[in-house]
N, C-alpha and C. Protein backbone atom coordinates (compact mmCIF):
# COMPACT_ATOMS: atom_id res chain seq x y z
N MET A 1 0.84 -1.20 0.00
CA MET A 1 0.00 0.00 0.00
C MET A 1 0.88 1.25 0.00
N VAL A 2 0.35 2.28 -0.62
CA VAL A 2 1.03 3.58 -0.66
C VAL A 2 0.02 4.65 -0.27
N GLN A 3 0.42 5.56 0.58
CA GLN A 3 -0.43 6.68 0.94
C GLN A 3 0.42 7.93 1.06
N TRP A 4 0.36 8.77 0.02
CA TRP A 4 1.08 10.03 0.12
C TRP A 4 0.46 10.89 1.20
N GLY A 5 1.31 11.53 1.99
CA GLY A 5 0.80 12.37 3.06
C GLY A 5 1.79 13.45 3.44
N MET A 6 1.41 14.24 4.42
CA MET A 6 2.23 15.38 4.79
C MET A 6 2.13 15.63 6.30
N VAL A 7 3.22 16.12 6.85
CA VAL A 7 3.24 16.61 8.23
C VAL A 7 3.67 18.06 8.18
N ILE A 8 2.96 18.92 8.89
CA ILE A 8 3.22 20.36 8.87
C ILE A 8 3.52 20.86 10.28
N ASP A 9 4.60 21.63 10.41
CA ASP A 9 4.95 22.25 11.69
C ASP A 9 4.39 23.67 11.71
N ALA A 10 3.23 23.83 12.31
CA ALA A 10 2.61 25.16 12.35
C ALA A 10 3.46 26.15 13.15
N ASP A 11 4.15 25.66 14.18
CA ASP A 11 4.98 26.54 15.01
C ASP A 11 6.24 26.98 14.27
N THR A 12 6.66 26.20 13.29
CA THR A 12 7.85 26.52 12.52
C THR A 12 7.54 27.49 11.38
N CYS A 13 6.32 27.42 10.85
CA CYS A 13 5.91 28.29 9.75
C CYS A 13 6.02 29.76 10.16
N ILE A 14 6.64 30.57 9.29
CA ILE A 14 6.83 31.99 9.59
C ILE A 14 5.86 32.88 8.81
N GLY A 15 4.94 32.25 8.07
CA GLY A 15 3.94 33.02 7.35
C GLY A 15 4.46 33.78 6.16
N CYS A 16 5.54 33.31 5.55
CA CYS A 16 6.16 34.06 4.45
C CYS A 16 5.38 33.93 3.14
N GLN A 17 4.50 32.92 3.05
CA GLN A 17 3.67 32.68 1.85
C GLN A 17 4.48 32.20 0.65
N THR A 18 5.73 31.76 0.87
CA THR A 18 6.51 31.23 -0.24
C THR A 18 5.83 30.01 -0.84
N CYS A 19 5.26 29.15 -0.01
CA CYS A 19 4.57 27.97 -0.52
C CYS A 19 3.37 28.35 -1.38
N THR A 20 2.67 29.39 -0.99
CA THR A 20 1.51 29.85 -1.75
C THR A 20 1.93 30.34 -3.13
N VAL A 21 2.99 31.15 -3.16
CA VAL A 21 3.47 31.69 -4.44
C VAL A 21 4.02 30.58 -5.32
N SER A 22 4.80 29.67 -4.74
CA SER A 22 5.38 28.58 -5.50
C SER A 22 4.30 27.72 -6.13
N CYS A 23 3.26 27.44 -5.37
CA CYS A 23 2.14 26.65 -5.90
C CYS A 23 1.47 27.36 -7.06
N LYS A 24 1.20 28.65 -6.90
CA LYS A 24 0.49 29.40 -7.93
C LYS A 24 1.31 29.48 -9.22
N VAL A 25 2.61 29.73 -9.08
CA VAL A 25 3.46 29.89 -10.27
C VAL A 25 3.64 28.56 -10.99
N ASN A 26 3.95 27.50 -10.24
CA ASN A 26 4.27 26.22 -10.87
C ASN A 26 3.04 25.47 -11.35
N ASN A 27 1.88 25.81 -10.82
CA ASN A 27 0.65 25.15 -11.25
C ASN A 27 -0.27 26.09 -12.03
N THR A 28 0.24 27.24 -12.43
CA THR A 28 -0.52 28.25 -13.18
C THR A 28 -1.92 28.45 -12.61
N VAL A 29 -1.95 28.73 -11.31
CA VAL A 29 -3.22 28.94 -10.62
C VAL A 29 -3.71 30.37 -10.87
N LEU A 30 -5.00 30.52 -11.13
CA LEU A 30 -5.57 31.83 -11.46
C LEU A 30 -5.45 32.82 -10.31
N ASP A 31 -5.40 34.10 -10.64
CA ASP A 31 -5.42 35.16 -9.63
C ASP A 31 -6.69 35.02 -8.80
N GLY A 32 -6.55 35.17 -7.49
CA GLY A 32 -7.70 35.06 -6.61
C GLY A 32 -8.07 33.64 -6.24
N VAL A 33 -7.35 32.65 -6.79
CA VAL A 33 -7.59 31.24 -6.51
C VAL A 33 -6.35 30.67 -5.82
N PHE A 34 -6.56 29.80 -4.83
CA PHE A 34 -5.44 29.23 -4.09
C PHE A 34 -5.64 27.73 -3.92
N ARG A 35 -4.61 26.97 -4.27
CA ARG A 35 -4.62 25.53 -3.98
C ARG A 35 -3.98 25.26 -2.63
N THR A 36 -3.04 26.10 -2.26
CA THR A 36 -2.47 26.07 -0.91
C THR A 36 -2.44 27.50 -0.40
N ARG A 37 -2.53 27.66 0.89
CA ARG A 37 -2.58 29.00 1.47
C ARG A 37 -2.05 28.92 2.91
N VAL A 38 -1.73 30.06 3.47
CA VAL A 38 -1.32 30.13 4.86
C VAL A 38 -2.29 31.06 5.58
N VAL A 39 -3.02 30.49 6.52
CA VAL A 39 -4.01 31.26 7.28
C VAL A 39 -3.32 31.91 8.47
N ASP A 40 -3.59 33.18 8.69
CA ASP A 40 -2.92 33.98 9.71
C ASP A 40 -3.90 34.23 10.86
N TYR A 41 -3.55 33.75 12.06
CA TYR A 41 -4.38 33.95 13.24
C TYR A 41 -3.66 34.84 14.25
N GLU A 42 -4.41 35.70 14.91
CA GLU A 42 -3.87 36.49 16.02
C GLU A 42 -4.46 35.96 17.31
N ARG A 43 -3.58 35.69 18.29
CA ARG A 43 -4.04 35.13 19.56
C ARG A 43 -3.64 36.03 20.72
N GLY A 44 -4.47 35.99 21.77
CA GLY A 44 -4.17 36.76 22.95
C GLY A 44 -4.91 38.08 22.99
N THR A 45 -4.64 38.85 24.03
CA THR A 45 -5.26 40.16 24.23
C THR A 45 -4.16 41.21 24.34
N TYR A 46 -4.34 42.30 23.63
CA TYR A 46 -3.34 43.37 23.63
C TYR A 46 -3.00 43.79 25.07
N PRO A 47 -1.72 43.96 25.40
CA PRO A 47 -0.54 43.95 24.52
C PRO A 47 0.11 42.57 24.39
N ASN A 48 -0.47 41.55 25.01
CA ASN A 48 0.13 40.21 24.99
C ASN A 48 -0.50 39.40 23.84
N VAL A 49 -0.04 39.68 22.66
CA VAL A 49 -0.60 39.01 21.49
C VAL A 49 0.51 38.29 20.71
N SER A 50 0.11 37.30 19.96
CA SER A 50 1.04 36.57 19.09
C SER A 50 0.30 36.17 17.83
N ARG A 51 1.05 35.84 16.82
CA ARG A 51 0.46 35.41 15.55
C ARG A 51 0.81 33.96 15.28
N THR A 52 -0.16 33.22 14.77
CA THR A 52 0.03 31.82 14.41
C THR A 52 -0.29 31.66 12.94
N PHE A 53 0.54 30.90 12.25
CA PHE A 53 0.34 30.67 10.82
C PHE A 53 0.01 29.20 10.58
N LEU A 54 -1.03 28.96 9.81
CA LEU A 54 -1.48 27.60 9.55
C LEU A 54 -1.49 27.32 8.05
N PRO A 55 -0.46 26.64 7.54
CA PRO A 55 -0.49 26.22 6.14
C PRO A 55 -1.63 25.24 5.92
N ALA A 56 -2.39 25.44 4.86
CA ALA A 56 -3.57 24.59 4.64
C ALA A 56 -3.78 24.34 3.16
N HIS A 57 -4.27 23.15 2.85
CA HIS A 57 -4.62 22.76 1.49
C HIS A 57 -5.44 21.48 1.59
N CYS A 58 -5.66 20.81 0.47
CA CYS A 58 -6.41 19.55 0.50
C CYS A 58 -5.71 18.56 1.42
N ASN A 59 -6.52 17.84 2.20
CA ASN A 59 -5.98 16.87 3.16
C ASN A 59 -5.90 15.45 2.60
N GLN A 60 -6.27 15.26 1.33
CA GLN A 60 -6.19 13.94 0.69
C GLN A 60 -6.78 12.87 1.61
N CYS A 61 -8.02 13.07 1.99
CA CYS A 61 -8.67 12.24 3.00
C CYS A 61 -8.86 10.78 2.57
N ASP A 62 -8.85 9.88 3.54
CA ASP A 62 -9.17 8.48 3.27
C ASP A 62 -10.66 8.31 2.95
N GLN A 63 -11.49 9.14 3.57
CA GLN A 63 -12.94 9.10 3.35
C GLN A 63 -13.40 10.47 2.85
N PRO A 64 -13.01 10.84 1.64
CA PRO A 64 -13.28 12.20 1.15
C PRO A 64 -14.75 12.42 0.81
N LYS A 65 -15.37 13.37 1.48
CA LYS A 65 -16.77 13.69 1.21
C LYS A 65 -16.93 14.28 -0.19
N CYS A 66 -15.87 14.91 -0.71
CA CYS A 66 -15.94 15.50 -2.04
C CYS A 66 -16.11 14.43 -3.11
N VAL A 67 -15.51 13.26 -2.91
CA VAL A 67 -15.63 12.18 -3.88
C VAL A 67 -17.03 11.59 -3.86
N SER A 68 -17.54 11.30 -2.66
CA SER A 68 -18.86 10.68 -2.57
C SER A 68 -19.98 11.62 -2.98
N SER A 69 -19.73 12.93 -2.94
CA SER A 69 -20.78 13.89 -3.28
C SER A 69 -20.81 14.27 -4.76
N CYS A 70 -19.79 13.87 -5.53
CA CYS A 70 -19.71 14.28 -6.94
C CYS A 70 -20.66 13.46 -7.80
N PRO A 71 -21.68 14.09 -8.40
CA PRO A 71 -22.64 13.33 -9.20
C PRO A 71 -22.11 12.94 -10.57
N ALA A 72 -20.99 13.53 -10.98
CA ALA A 72 -20.45 13.26 -12.32
C ALA A 72 -19.26 12.30 -12.29
N ASP A 73 -18.88 11.83 -11.09
CA ASP A 73 -17.70 10.98 -10.93
C ASP A 73 -16.45 11.65 -11.52
N ALA A 74 -16.37 12.96 -11.33
CA ALA A 74 -15.24 13.72 -11.85
C ALA A 74 -14.08 13.78 -10.88
N THR A 75 -14.26 13.27 -9.68
CA THR A 75 -13.20 13.30 -8.67
C THR A 75 -13.08 11.92 -8.04
N TRP A 76 -11.86 11.49 -7.80
CA TRP A 76 -11.62 10.15 -7.26
C TRP A 76 -10.26 10.12 -6.59
N LYS A 77 -9.94 8.97 -5.95
CA LYS A 77 -8.64 8.78 -5.30
C LYS A 77 -7.75 7.91 -6.18
N THR A 78 -6.49 8.30 -6.30
CA THR A 78 -5.52 7.52 -7.04
C THR A 78 -5.01 6.37 -6.17
N GLU A 79 -4.17 5.52 -6.75
CA GLU A 79 -3.59 4.41 -5.99
C GLU A 79 -2.63 4.90 -4.91
N GLU A 80 -2.21 6.16 -5.01
CA GLU A 80 -1.36 6.75 -3.97
C GLU A 80 -2.17 7.48 -2.91
N GLY A 81 -3.50 7.43 -3.01
CA GLY A 81 -4.37 8.07 -2.03
C GLY A 81 -4.56 9.56 -2.23
N VAL A 82 -4.27 10.05 -3.43
CA VAL A 82 -4.42 11.47 -3.74
C VAL A 82 -5.77 11.70 -4.42
N VAL A 83 -6.49 12.71 -3.96
CA VAL A 83 -7.80 13.03 -4.54
C VAL A 83 -7.60 13.93 -5.76
N ILE A 84 -8.15 13.48 -6.88
CA ILE A 84 -7.94 14.13 -8.17
C ILE A 84 -9.27 14.67 -8.71
N VAL A 85 -9.21 15.78 -9.44
CA VAL A 85 -10.37 16.30 -10.18
C VAL A 85 -10.04 16.29 -11.67
N ASP A 86 -10.93 15.73 -12.47
CA ASP A 86 -10.75 15.76 -13.92
C ASP A 86 -11.58 16.91 -14.48
N PRO A 87 -10.94 18.00 -14.94
CA PRO A 87 -11.69 19.16 -15.42
C PRO A 87 -12.49 18.87 -16.69
N GLU A 88 -12.14 17.79 -17.39
CA GLU A 88 -12.88 17.45 -18.60
C GLU A 88 -14.22 16.77 -18.27
N ILE A 89 -14.33 16.25 -17.04
CA ILE A 89 -15.56 15.59 -16.61
C ILE A 89 -16.38 16.50 -15.70
N CYS A 90 -15.70 17.34 -14.91
CA CYS A 90 -16.37 18.21 -13.94
C CYS A 90 -17.41 19.10 -14.62
N THR A 91 -18.60 19.13 -14.05
CA THR A 91 -19.68 19.95 -14.60
C THR A 91 -19.81 21.30 -13.90
N GLY A 92 -19.01 21.50 -12.84
CA GLY A 92 -19.08 22.76 -12.12
C GLY A 92 -20.28 22.90 -11.21
N CYS A 93 -20.85 21.77 -10.79
CA CYS A 93 -22.04 21.85 -9.93
C CYS A 93 -21.71 22.32 -8.52
N ARG A 94 -20.45 22.18 -8.11
CA ARG A 94 -19.92 22.64 -6.83
C ARG A 94 -20.42 21.84 -5.62
N SER A 95 -20.94 20.64 -5.84
CA SER A 95 -21.32 19.79 -4.72
C SER A 95 -20.10 19.47 -3.85
N CYS A 96 -18.95 19.27 -4.51
CA CYS A 96 -17.74 18.95 -3.77
C CYS A 96 -17.26 20.15 -2.94
N VAL A 97 -17.44 21.34 -3.47
CA VAL A 97 -17.03 22.55 -2.75
C VAL A 97 -17.81 22.66 -1.45
N VAL A 98 -19.10 22.39 -1.53
CA VAL A 98 -19.96 22.48 -0.35
C VAL A 98 -19.65 21.38 0.66
N SER A 99 -19.35 20.18 0.16
CA SER A 99 -19.17 19.04 1.05
C SER A 99 -17.80 18.99 1.71
N CYS A 100 -16.80 19.67 1.15
CA CYS A 100 -15.46 19.65 1.75
C CYS A 100 -15.45 20.43 3.06
N PRO A 101 -15.13 19.79 4.19
CA PRO A 101 -15.16 20.51 5.47
C PRO A 101 -13.96 21.41 5.70
N TYR A 102 -13.02 21.45 4.75
CA TYR A 102 -11.80 22.23 4.92
C TYR A 102 -11.70 23.42 3.98
N GLY A 103 -12.70 23.63 3.15
CA GLY A 103 -12.65 24.75 2.22
C GLY A 103 -11.51 24.65 1.24
N SER A 104 -11.20 23.42 0.82
CA SER A 104 -10.00 23.20 0.01
C SER A 104 -10.25 23.20 -1.50
N ARG A 105 -11.49 23.44 -1.91
CA ARG A 105 -11.81 23.43 -3.34
C ARG A 105 -12.33 24.80 -3.77
N THR A 106 -12.01 25.17 -4.99
CA THR A 106 -12.38 26.48 -5.50
C THR A 106 -13.01 26.34 -6.88
N TYR A 107 -14.11 27.04 -7.07
CA TYR A 107 -14.78 27.08 -8.37
C TYR A 107 -14.15 28.16 -9.24
N LEU A 108 -13.81 27.81 -10.47
CA LEU A 108 -13.23 28.77 -11.41
C LEU A 108 -14.35 29.47 -12.16
N GLU A 109 -14.58 30.71 -11.81
CA GLU A 109 -15.71 31.45 -12.37
C GLU A 109 -15.62 31.57 -13.90
N PRO A 110 -16.73 31.31 -14.60
CA PRO A 110 -16.70 31.34 -16.07
C PRO A 110 -16.41 32.72 -16.66
N ASP A 111 -16.67 33.78 -15.89
CA ASP A 111 -16.46 35.13 -16.42
C ASP A 111 -15.05 35.66 -16.14
N TYR A 112 -14.15 34.79 -15.71
CA TYR A 112 -12.76 35.21 -15.49
C TYR A 112 -12.17 35.68 -16.81
N THR A 113 -11.48 36.80 -16.79
CA THR A 113 -10.88 37.34 -18.02
C THR A 113 -9.37 37.31 -17.94
N PHE A 114 -8.73 37.04 -19.06
CA PHE A 114 -7.28 36.92 -19.12
C PHE A 114 -6.68 38.08 -19.91
N ASP A 115 -5.48 38.48 -19.52
CA ASP A 115 -4.73 39.47 -20.26
C ASP A 115 -3.94 38.72 -21.34
N GLU A 116 -4.42 38.78 -22.55
CA GLU A 116 -3.82 38.02 -23.65
C GLU A 116 -2.38 38.47 -23.96
N ARG A 117 -1.97 39.67 -23.48
CA ARG A 117 -0.62 40.15 -23.75
C ARG A 117 0.41 39.55 -22.80
N ASP A 118 -0.05 38.98 -21.70
CA ASP A 118 0.83 38.45 -20.67
C ASP A 118 1.07 36.95 -20.92
N PRO A 119 2.34 36.53 -21.12
CA PRO A 119 2.62 35.11 -21.39
C PRO A 119 2.11 34.17 -20.30
N PHE A 120 2.24 34.58 -19.02
CA PHE A 120 1.75 33.73 -17.93
C PHE A 120 0.23 33.64 -17.96
N GLU A 121 -0.45 34.75 -18.27
CA GLU A 121 -1.90 34.72 -18.38
C GLU A 121 -2.34 33.80 -19.52
N ARG A 122 -1.58 33.79 -20.61
CA ARG A 122 -1.91 32.89 -21.71
C ARG A 122 -1.76 31.43 -21.29
N ARG A 123 -0.73 31.17 -20.48
CA ARG A 123 -0.57 29.81 -19.94
C ARG A 123 -1.74 29.45 -19.05
N MET A 124 -2.16 30.37 -18.19
CA MET A 124 -3.29 30.10 -17.31
C MET A 124 -4.55 29.80 -18.11
N LYS A 125 -4.75 30.53 -19.18
CA LYS A 125 -5.93 30.32 -20.00
C LYS A 125 -5.91 28.93 -20.63
N ALA A 126 -4.73 28.50 -21.04
CA ALA A 126 -4.60 27.20 -21.68
C ALA A 126 -4.74 26.04 -20.69
N GLU A 127 -4.33 26.27 -19.43
CA GLU A 127 -4.24 25.17 -18.47
C GLU A 127 -5.35 25.16 -17.43
N ASN A 128 -6.26 26.13 -17.48
CA ASN A 128 -7.39 26.15 -16.54
C ASN A 128 -8.70 26.15 -17.32
N ARG A 129 -9.56 25.20 -17.01
CA ARG A 129 -10.86 25.13 -17.66
C ARG A 129 -11.88 25.83 -16.77
N LEU A 130 -12.34 26.99 -17.21
CA LEU A 130 -13.28 27.77 -16.41
C LEU A 130 -14.60 27.01 -16.27
N GLY A 131 -15.30 27.31 -15.16
CA GLY A 131 -16.56 26.64 -14.91
C GLY A 131 -16.40 25.27 -14.27
N THR A 132 -15.17 24.96 -13.80
CA THR A 132 -14.92 23.71 -13.10
C THR A 132 -14.30 24.00 -11.74
N VAL A 133 -13.99 22.94 -11.00
CA VAL A 133 -13.44 23.08 -9.66
C VAL A 133 -11.97 22.66 -9.67
N THR A 134 -11.15 23.38 -8.90
CA THR A 134 -9.74 23.05 -8.78
C THR A 134 -9.37 22.86 -7.32
N LYS A 135 -8.23 22.18 -7.09
CA LYS A 135 -7.78 21.90 -5.72
C LYS A 135 -6.32 21.46 -5.74
N CYS A 136 -5.71 21.38 -4.58
CA CYS A 136 -4.38 20.81 -4.43
C CYS A 136 -4.42 19.31 -4.69
N ASP A 137 -3.42 18.82 -5.44
CA ASP A 137 -3.31 17.38 -5.66
C ASP A 137 -1.88 16.89 -5.40
N PHE A 138 -1.17 17.60 -4.51
CA PHE A 138 0.22 17.25 -4.18
C PHE A 138 1.09 17.25 -5.43
N CYS A 139 0.77 18.11 -6.40
CA CYS A 139 1.53 18.17 -7.67
C CYS A 139 1.63 16.76 -8.27
N TYR A 140 0.49 16.08 -8.31
CA TYR A 140 0.45 14.64 -8.56
C TYR A 140 1.16 14.20 -9.83
N THR A 141 0.82 14.79 -10.97
CA THR A 141 1.39 14.33 -12.24
C THR A 141 2.90 14.45 -12.25
N GLU A 142 3.40 15.58 -11.77
CA GLU A 142 4.84 15.83 -11.75
C GLU A 142 5.56 14.89 -10.80
N VAL A 143 5.01 14.73 -9.59
CA VAL A 143 5.65 13.88 -8.58
C VAL A 143 5.60 12.42 -8.99
N LYS A 144 4.47 11.97 -9.52
CA LYS A 144 4.35 10.58 -9.95
C LYS A 144 5.33 10.26 -11.07
N SER A 145 5.47 11.16 -12.03
CA SER A 145 6.41 10.96 -13.12
C SER A 145 7.84 10.86 -12.60
N ALA A 146 8.16 11.67 -11.59
CA ALA A 146 9.51 11.64 -11.01
C ALA A 146 9.76 10.32 -10.29
N VAL A 147 8.77 9.83 -9.56
CA VAL A 147 8.91 8.54 -8.86
C VAL A 147 9.10 7.42 -9.87
N GLU A 148 8.34 7.45 -10.94
CA GLU A 148 8.47 6.42 -11.98
C GLU A 148 9.83 6.49 -12.67
N ALA A 149 10.45 7.67 -12.63
CA ALA A 149 11.78 7.84 -13.23
C ALA A 149 12.90 7.46 -12.27
N GLY A 150 12.53 7.07 -11.03
CA GLY A 150 13.52 6.59 -10.09
C GLY A 150 13.87 7.53 -8.96
N TYR A 151 13.24 8.71 -8.90
CA TYR A 151 13.51 9.63 -7.81
C TYR A 151 12.77 9.18 -6.55
N GLU A 152 13.33 9.53 -5.38
CA GLU A 152 12.76 9.07 -4.11
C GLU A 152 11.69 10.05 -3.61
N LEU A 153 10.52 9.50 -3.34
CA LEU A 153 9.38 10.30 -2.90
C LEU A 153 9.69 11.09 -1.63
N GLY A 154 9.47 12.39 -1.70
CA GLY A 154 9.64 13.24 -0.54
C GLY A 154 11.07 13.52 -0.14
N VAL A 155 12.03 12.93 -0.85
CA VAL A 155 13.45 13.14 -0.56
C VAL A 155 14.09 13.95 -1.68
N ASP A 156 13.96 13.47 -2.89
CA ASP A 156 14.48 14.20 -4.04
C ASP A 156 13.52 15.33 -4.40
N PRO A 157 14.04 16.52 -4.71
CA PRO A 157 13.16 17.66 -5.06
C PRO A 157 12.22 17.34 -6.22
N GLU A 158 12.69 16.54 -7.16
CA GLU A 158 11.87 16.21 -8.32
C GLU A 158 10.60 15.43 -7.93
N ALA A 159 10.66 14.72 -6.81
CA ALA A 159 9.54 13.88 -6.36
C ALA A 159 8.87 14.47 -5.12
N THR A 160 8.88 15.80 -5.03
CA THR A 160 8.33 16.50 -3.87
C THR A 160 7.45 17.66 -4.36
N PRO A 161 6.27 17.85 -3.77
CA PRO A 161 5.41 18.97 -4.18
C PRO A 161 6.12 20.32 -4.03
N HIS A 162 5.75 21.26 -4.88
CA HIS A 162 6.42 22.56 -4.90
C HIS A 162 6.30 23.30 -3.57
N CYS A 163 5.16 23.19 -2.90
CA CYS A 163 4.99 23.92 -1.64
C CYS A 163 5.95 23.42 -0.58
N VAL A 164 6.29 22.13 -0.63
CA VAL A 164 7.19 21.54 0.36
C VAL A 164 8.63 21.93 0.09
N LYS A 165 9.08 21.76 -1.15
CA LYS A 165 10.49 22.03 -1.44
C LYS A 165 10.83 23.51 -1.48
N SER A 166 9.81 24.37 -1.55
CA SER A 166 10.07 25.82 -1.55
C SER A 166 10.02 26.42 -0.15
N CYS A 167 9.59 25.66 0.86
CA CYS A 167 9.41 26.20 2.21
C CYS A 167 10.76 26.55 2.83
N ILE A 168 11.00 27.82 3.08
CA ILE A 168 12.30 28.26 3.60
C ILE A 168 12.47 27.93 5.08
N ALA A 169 11.38 27.59 5.77
CA ALA A 169 11.46 27.26 7.19
C ALA A 169 11.45 25.75 7.43
N ASN A 170 11.38 24.97 6.34
CA ASN A 170 11.30 23.51 6.44
C ASN A 170 10.13 23.08 7.34
N ALA A 171 9.00 23.75 7.15
CA ALA A 171 7.83 23.47 7.98
C ALA A 171 6.95 22.36 7.43
N LYS A 172 7.21 21.94 6.19
CA LYS A 172 6.40 20.89 5.57
C LYS A 172 7.26 19.67 5.26
N HIS A 173 6.67 18.49 5.52
CA HIS A 173 7.36 17.23 5.27
C HIS A 173 6.40 16.33 4.49
N PHE A 174 6.92 15.70 3.43
CA PHE A 174 6.08 14.93 2.51
C PHE A 174 6.67 13.55 2.29
N GLY A 175 5.79 12.56 2.12
CA GLY A 175 6.27 11.21 1.84
C GLY A 175 5.16 10.20 1.88
N ASP A 176 5.54 8.93 2.01
CA ASP A 176 4.60 7.82 2.04
C ASP A 176 4.30 7.45 3.49
N LEU A 177 3.08 7.69 3.92
CA LEU A 177 2.68 7.39 5.29
C LEU A 177 2.66 5.89 5.56
N ASP A 178 2.55 5.08 4.50
CA ASP A 178 2.53 3.63 4.67
C ASP A 178 3.92 3.00 4.66
N ASP A 179 4.95 3.82 4.46
CA ASP A 179 6.32 3.33 4.50
C ASP A 179 6.91 3.68 5.86
N PRO A 180 7.10 2.69 6.73
CA PRO A 180 7.57 3.00 8.09
C PRO A 180 8.94 3.65 8.14
N ASP A 181 9.69 3.57 7.05
CA ASP A 181 11.02 4.18 7.02
C ASP A 181 11.00 5.62 6.53
N SER A 182 9.85 6.10 6.07
CA SER A 182 9.78 7.47 5.57
C SER A 182 9.74 8.45 6.74
N GLU A 183 10.18 9.68 6.49
CA GLU A 183 10.20 10.70 7.54
C GLU A 183 8.80 10.97 8.07
N VAL A 184 7.82 11.10 7.18
CA VAL A 184 6.47 11.43 7.64
C VAL A 184 5.87 10.30 8.47
N ALA A 185 6.13 9.05 8.09
CA ALA A 185 5.60 7.92 8.86
C ALA A 185 6.22 7.88 10.25
N ARG A 186 7.52 8.15 10.34
CA ARG A 186 8.18 8.15 11.65
C ARG A 186 7.64 9.27 12.53
N ILE A 187 7.40 10.44 11.94
CA ILE A 187 6.87 11.55 12.74
C ILE A 187 5.48 11.21 13.27
N VAL A 188 4.61 10.69 12.40
CA VAL A 188 3.24 10.36 12.80
C VAL A 188 3.23 9.27 13.87
N ALA A 189 4.16 8.30 13.76
CA ALA A 189 4.20 7.17 14.69
C ALA A 189 4.77 7.55 16.05
N ASN A 190 5.67 8.53 16.08
CA ASN A 190 6.43 8.77 17.30
C ASN A 190 6.22 10.13 17.95
N GLU A 191 5.54 11.04 17.25
CA GLU A 191 5.38 12.38 17.81
C GLU A 191 3.91 12.73 17.99
N ASP A 192 3.68 13.85 18.65
CA ASP A 192 2.32 14.30 18.93
C ASP A 192 1.80 15.08 17.73
N VAL A 193 1.03 14.42 16.89
CA VAL A 193 0.48 15.05 15.69
C VAL A 193 -1.03 14.85 15.66
N VAL A 194 -1.70 15.71 14.92
CA VAL A 194 -3.15 15.63 14.82
C VAL A 194 -3.58 16.15 13.46
N PRO A 195 -4.59 15.54 12.82
CA PRO A 195 -5.14 16.10 11.59
C PRO A 195 -6.14 17.20 11.93
N LEU A 196 -6.52 17.99 10.94
CA LEU A 196 -7.55 18.99 11.17
C LEU A 196 -8.93 18.34 11.25
N HIS A 197 -9.69 18.72 12.23
CA HIS A 197 -11.08 18.28 12.40
C HIS A 197 -11.26 16.77 12.21
N PRO A 198 -10.60 15.96 13.04
CA PRO A 198 -10.79 14.51 12.93
C PRO A 198 -12.23 14.09 13.20
N GLU A 199 -12.97 14.95 13.91
CA GLU A 199 -14.36 14.63 14.24
C GLU A 199 -15.26 14.61 13.00
N ARG A 200 -14.77 15.14 11.88
CA ARG A 200 -15.58 15.14 10.66
C ARG A 200 -15.63 13.77 9.98
N GLY A 201 -14.77 12.85 10.41
CA GLY A 201 -14.80 11.50 9.89
C GLY A 201 -14.21 11.32 8.51
N THR A 202 -13.43 12.28 8.02
CA THR A 202 -12.86 12.18 6.68
C THR A 202 -11.50 11.48 6.66
N GLU A 203 -10.89 11.31 7.83
CA GLU A 203 -9.59 10.64 7.97
C GLU A 203 -8.52 11.29 7.08
N PRO A 204 -8.14 12.52 7.40
CA PRO A 204 -7.15 13.26 6.60
C PRO A 204 -5.78 12.60 6.62
N ASN A 205 -5.01 12.85 5.57
CA ASN A 205 -3.63 12.36 5.50
C ASN A 205 -2.63 13.52 5.54
N VAL A 206 -3.06 14.64 6.08
CA VAL A 206 -2.19 15.77 6.41
C VAL A 206 -2.26 15.96 7.92
N TYR A 207 -1.11 15.93 8.57
CA TYR A 207 -1.04 16.02 10.02
C TYR A 207 -0.28 17.28 10.44
N TYR A 208 -0.60 17.76 11.64
CA TYR A 208 0.06 18.93 12.19
C TYR A 208 0.74 18.57 13.52
N ARG A 209 2.02 18.96 13.62
CA ARG A 209 2.73 18.75 14.88
C ARG A 209 2.15 19.68 15.95
N ARG A 210 2.01 19.16 17.16
CA ARG A 210 1.48 20.00 18.25
C ARG A 210 2.59 20.35 19.24
């Protein structure tokens, strides 16, 4: 069995948003749309306040409500446990957007306009199908191709999602949760980690160190 997953150190994250930018650039994500993001929280009462940063994206759940709610079968789990959306099948009904308890899916508005003079905007137009839903997929196609080429999952940059390898604080760790020798599996087995909202019953495969 293989289960791609991630461990995130929220206390290590400095809120620089490098992961957000890296994801948007490398995946040609539309302006105003985010596949990964860093949520900024302020805690305490003035003058004793602090800020907490929470990197967040799709949790690649074992029991994804987005998959069971899709009437078009446009979203499913791969053999690596990654939840995928096929934009050629997606009808844009947004049932998955509503059913995701983590707000990890975004509808691409049909009236989005592109600047045809900008090369990056032209790429976005070619690679994004408006009127469908998008989400984080752990850079699935790129990472899978690298693994098939012999690179080590979560160790070699070629086989690691862009948000992880671009993190300047080393706050994100990626690998195979079913491989006891992987870094992420060792962290989950031996340290105090928790997924977001385990009470929702989705069984996420993204964990946070406490």
